[in-house]
Amino acid sequence: MSKKNKNRDGVVFSTDPDFAYRYEEQEEAELLPAQQQKLRVSLDRKQRGGKEVTLVTGFVGPQSELEALGKMLKTKCGVGGAAKDGEIMVQGDHRERVLQILLQAGYSGSKRSGG
């Protein structure tokens, strides 16, 4: 769906030639310092066809910073993954490695058993 069709405050058509659609602006979360981030590292298999992913949740900050952290984790683990919807997914079971990387980077993190 294009941006033109999203969030137009319910207006479909207007006869006013000077009418301008108002779009809802999504506010990006303010980035918390690494020491204040409470990240949780877990293993997830749900809705992934039995494949395991290491899931990092609890990140507070803009999408660009989430993607940068995700890229660092994926690079250091040597695997693929994604960073979206406030979560970082790293392919495979890398809970220990991800937790160590986060702690070295100054984040406070905890490991949960997942399944």
C-alpha atoms as a PDB file:
ATOM      1  CA  MET A   1       0.000   0.000   0.000  1.00  0.00           C
ATOM      2  CA  SER A   2       1.448   3.384  -0.919  1.00  0.00           C
ATOM      3  CA  LYS A   3       1.876   6.258   1.513  1.00  0.00           C
ATOM      4  CA  LYS A   4      -0.957   8.123  -0.218  1.00  0.00           C
ATOM      5  CA  ASN A   5      -3.445   5.489   0.904  1.00  0.00           C
ATOM      6  CA  LYS A   6      -2.229   5.197   4.505  1.00  0.00           C
ATOM      7  CA  ASN A   7      -3.627   7.087   7.475  1.00  0.00           C
ATOM      8  CA  ARG A   8      -5.697   9.802   5.795  1.00  0.00           C
ATOM      9  CA  ASP A   9      -7.900  10.434   8.837  1.00  0.00           C
ATOM     10  CA  GLY A  10     -10.797   8.609   7.145  1.00  0.00           C
ATOM     11  CA  VAL A  11     -11.083  11.109   4.256  1.00  0.00           C
ATOM     12  CA  VAL A  12     -11.612   9.423   0.901  1.00  0.00           C
ATOM     13  CA  PHE A  13     -12.535  12.359  -1.334  1.00  0.00           C
ATOM     14  CA  SER A  14     -12.847  16.112  -0.981  1.00  0.00           C
ATOM     15  CA  THR A  15     -14.349  18.717  -3.322  1.00  0.00           C
ATOM     16  CA  ASP A  16     -12.207  21.465  -1.769  1.00  0.00           C
ATOM     17  CA  PRO A  17      -9.435  22.291  -4.317  1.00  0.00           C
ATOM     18  CA  ASP A  18      -7.125  23.473  -1.509  1.00  0.00           C
ATOM     19  CA  PHE A  19      -7.634  20.367   0.642  1.00  0.00           C
ATOM     20  CA  ALA A  20      -4.458  18.645   1.826  1.00  0.00           C
ATOM     21  CA  TYR A  21      -4.446  15.218   3.411  1.00  0.00           C
ATOM     22  CA  ARG A  22      -3.016  15.044   6.914  1.00  0.00           C
ATOM     23  CA  TYR A  23      -0.930  11.978   7.541  1.00  0.00           C
ATOM     24  CA  GLU A  24      -0.312  10.553  10.978  1.00  0.00           C
ATOM     25  CA  GLU A  25       3.320  10.888  11.923  1.00  0.00           C
ATOM     26  CA  GLN A  26       4.778   8.001  13.832  1.00  0.00           C
ATOM     27  CA  GLU A  27       7.065   9.222  16.542  1.00  0.00           C
ATOM     28  CA  GLU A  28      10.332   7.378  16.796  1.00  0.00           C
ATOM     29  CA  ALA A  29      11.305   6.295  20.254  1.00  0.00           C
ATOM     30  CA  GLU A  30      14.154   8.216  21.817  1.00  0.00           C
ATOM     31  CA  LEU A  31      17.349   6.200  22.024  1.00  0.00           C
ATOM     32  CA  LEU A  32      18.205   5.093  25.532  1.00  0.00           C
ATOM     33  CA  PRO A  33      21.901   4.749  26.438  1.00  0.00           C
ATOM     34  CA  ALA A  34      23.253   1.219  26.182  1.00  0.00           C
ATOM     35  CA  GLN A  35      23.496   0.868  29.976  1.00  0.00           C
ATOM     36  CA  GLN A  36      19.764   1.601  30.368  1.00  0.00           C
ATOM     37  CA  GLN A  37      18.597  -0.815  27.669  1.00  0.00           C
ATOM     38  CA  LYS A  38      17.094  -3.995  29.123  1.00  0.00           C
ATOM     39  CA  LEU A  39      17.471  -6.489  26.320  1.00  0.00           C
ATOM     40  CA  ARG A  40      16.236 -10.062  26.510  1.00  0.00           C
ATOM     41  CA  VAL A  41      17.862 -12.837  24.489  1.00  0.00           C
ATOM     42  CA  SER A  42      15.786 -15.948  23.796  1.00  0.00           C
ATOM     43  CA  LEU A  43      15.429 -18.837  21.385  1.00  0.00           C
ATOM     44  CA  ASP A  44      12.309 -18.930  19.227  1.00  0.00           C
ATOM     45  CA  ARG A  45      10.910 -21.608  16.918  1.00  0.00           C
ATOM     46  CA  LYS A  46       7.304 -20.439  16.618  1.00  0.00           C
ATOM     47  CA  GLN A  47       5.904 -19.957  13.108  1.00  0.00           C
ATOM     48  CA  ARG A  48       9.311 -20.574  11.531  1.00  0.00           C
ATOM     49  CA  GLY A  49       8.880 -24.083  10.185  1.00  0.00           C
ATOM     50  CA  GLY A  50      10.974 -25.603  12.986  1.00  0.00           C
ATOM     51  CA  LYS A  51      13.952 -23.338  12.314  1.00  0.00           C
ATOM     52  CA  GLU A  52      15.563 -21.710  15.336  1.00  0.00           C
ATOM     53  CA  VAL A  53      16.260 -18.011  15.679  1.00  0.00           C
ATOM     54  CA  THR A  54      17.889 -16.112  18.495  1.00  0.00           C
ATOM     55  CA  LEU A  55      15.517 -13.297  19.365  1.00  0.00           C
ATOM     56  CA  VAL A  56      16.651 -10.038  21.007  1.00  0.00           C
ATOM     57  CA  THR A  57      13.747  -7.987  22.375  1.00  0.00           C
ATOM     58  CA  GLY A  58      13.334  -4.907  24.552  1.00  0.00           C
ATOM     59  CA  PHE A  59      15.284  -2.400  22.424  1.00  0.00           C
ATOM     60  CA  VAL A  60      14.142   1.205  22.852  1.00  0.00           C
ATOM     61  CA  GLY A  61      15.214   3.578  20.096  1.00  0.00           C
ATOM     62  CA  PRO A  62      14.811   4.515  16.451  1.00  0.00           C
ATOM     63  CA  GLN A  63      14.640   1.871  13.726  1.00  0.00           C
ATOM     64  CA  SER A  64      18.024   2.927  12.306  1.00  0.00           C
ATOM     65  CA  GLU A  65      19.775   2.162  15.609  1.00  0.00           C
ATOM     66  CA  LEU A  66      17.957  -1.179  15.875  1.00  0.00           C
ATOM     67  CA  GLU A  67      19.154  -2.079  12.380  1.00  0.00           C
ATOM     68  CA  ALA A  68      22.730  -1.039  13.223  1.00  0.00           C
ATOM     69  CA  LEU A  69      22.750  -3.234  16.342  1.00  0.00           C
ATOM     70  CA  GLY A  70      21.223  -6.102  14.366  1.00  0.00           C
ATOM     71  CA  LYS A  71      23.877  -5.771  11.676  1.00  0.00           C
ATOM     72  CA  MET A  72      26.644  -5.861  14.292  1.00  0.00           C
ATOM     73  CA  LEU A  73      25.191  -9.003  15.910  1.00  0.00           C
ATOM     74  CA  LYS A  74      24.699 -10.767  12.575  1.00  0.00           C
ATOM     75  CA  THR A  75      28.231  -9.881  11.446  1.00  0.00           C
ATOM     76  CA  LYS A  76      29.880 -11.063  14.667  1.00  0.00           C
ATOM     77  CA  CYS A  77      27.904 -14.323  14.628  1.00  0.00           C
ATOM     78  CA  GLY A  78      28.495 -14.818  10.888  1.00  0.00           C
ATOM     79  CA  VAL A  79      24.828 -15.487  10.116  1.00  0.00           C
ATOM     80  CA  GLY A  80      21.788 -13.812   8.607  1.00  0.00           C
ATOM     81  CA  GLY A  81      18.750 -12.359  10.279  1.00  0.00           C
ATOM     82  CA  ALA A  82      16.517  -9.300  10.431  1.00  0.00           C
ATOM     83  CA  ALA A  83      15.803  -6.266  12.580  1.00  0.00           C
ATOM     84  CA  LYS A  84      12.188  -5.114  12.548  1.00  0.00           C
ATOM     85  CA  ASP A  85       9.227  -4.412  14.816  1.00  0.00           C
ATOM     86  CA  GLY A  86      11.523  -3.695  17.755  1.00  0.00           C
ATOM     87  CA  GLU A  87      13.143  -7.143  17.576  1.00  0.00           C
ATOM     88  CA  ILE A  88      16.392  -8.512  16.242  1.00  0.00           C
ATOM     89  CA  MET A  89      16.303 -12.033  14.813  1.00  0.00           C
ATOM     90  CA  VAL A  90      19.598 -13.866  14.341  1.00  0.00           C
ATOM     91  CA  GLN A  91      19.380 -17.165  12.469  1.00  0.00           C
ATOM     92  CA  GLY A  92      20.309 -20.185  14.571  1.00  0.00           C
ATOM     93  CA  ASP A  93      20.877 -20.774  18.280  1.00  0.00           C
ATOM     94  CA  HIS A  94      23.446 -18.097  19.205  1.00  0.00           C
ATOM     95  CA  ARG A  95      22.101 -17.075  22.619  1.00  0.00           C
ATOM     96  CA  GLU A  96      25.415 -17.308  24.468  1.00  0.00           C
ATOM     97  CA  ARG A  97      27.380 -15.484  21.758  1.00  0.00           C
ATOM     98  CA  VAL A  98      24.764 -12.735  21.337  1.00  0.00           C
ATOM     99  CA  LEU A  99      24.580 -12.186  25.097  1.00  0.00           C
ATOM    100  CA  GLN A 100      28.373 -11.884  25.341  1.00  0.00           C
ATOM    101  CA  ILE A 101      28.468  -9.396  22.428  1.00  0.00           C
ATOM    102  CA  LEU A 102      25.725  -7.282  24.020  1.00  0.00           C
ATOM    103  CA  LEU A 103      27.461  -7.271  27.407  1.00  0.00           C
ATOM    104  CA  GLN A 104      30.778  -6.262  25.794  1.00  0.00           C
ATOM    105  CA  ALA A 105      28.983  -3.424  23.976  1.00  0.00           C
ATOM    106  CA  GLY A 106      27.710  -2.104  27.322  1.00  0.00           C
ATOM    107  CA  TYR A 107      24.112  -3.326  27.142  1.00  0.00           C
ATOM    108  CA  SER A 108      22.466  -5.008  30.101  1.00  0.00           C
ATOM    109  CA  GLY A 109      20.916  -8.224  28.982  1.00  0.00           C
ATOM    110  CA  SER A 110      19.357 -11.404  30.253  1.00  0.00           C
ATOM    111  CA  LYS A 111      18.965 -14.806  28.713  1.00  0.00           C
ATOM    112  CA  ARG A 112      15.652 -16.645  28.719  1.00  0.00           C
ATOM    113  CA  SER A 113      15.108 -20.197  27.677  1.00  0.00           C
ATOM    114  CA  GLY A 114      12.751 -20.199  24.748  1.00  0.00           C
ATOM    115  CA  GLY A 115      10.962 -22.697  22.631  1.00  0.00           C
END
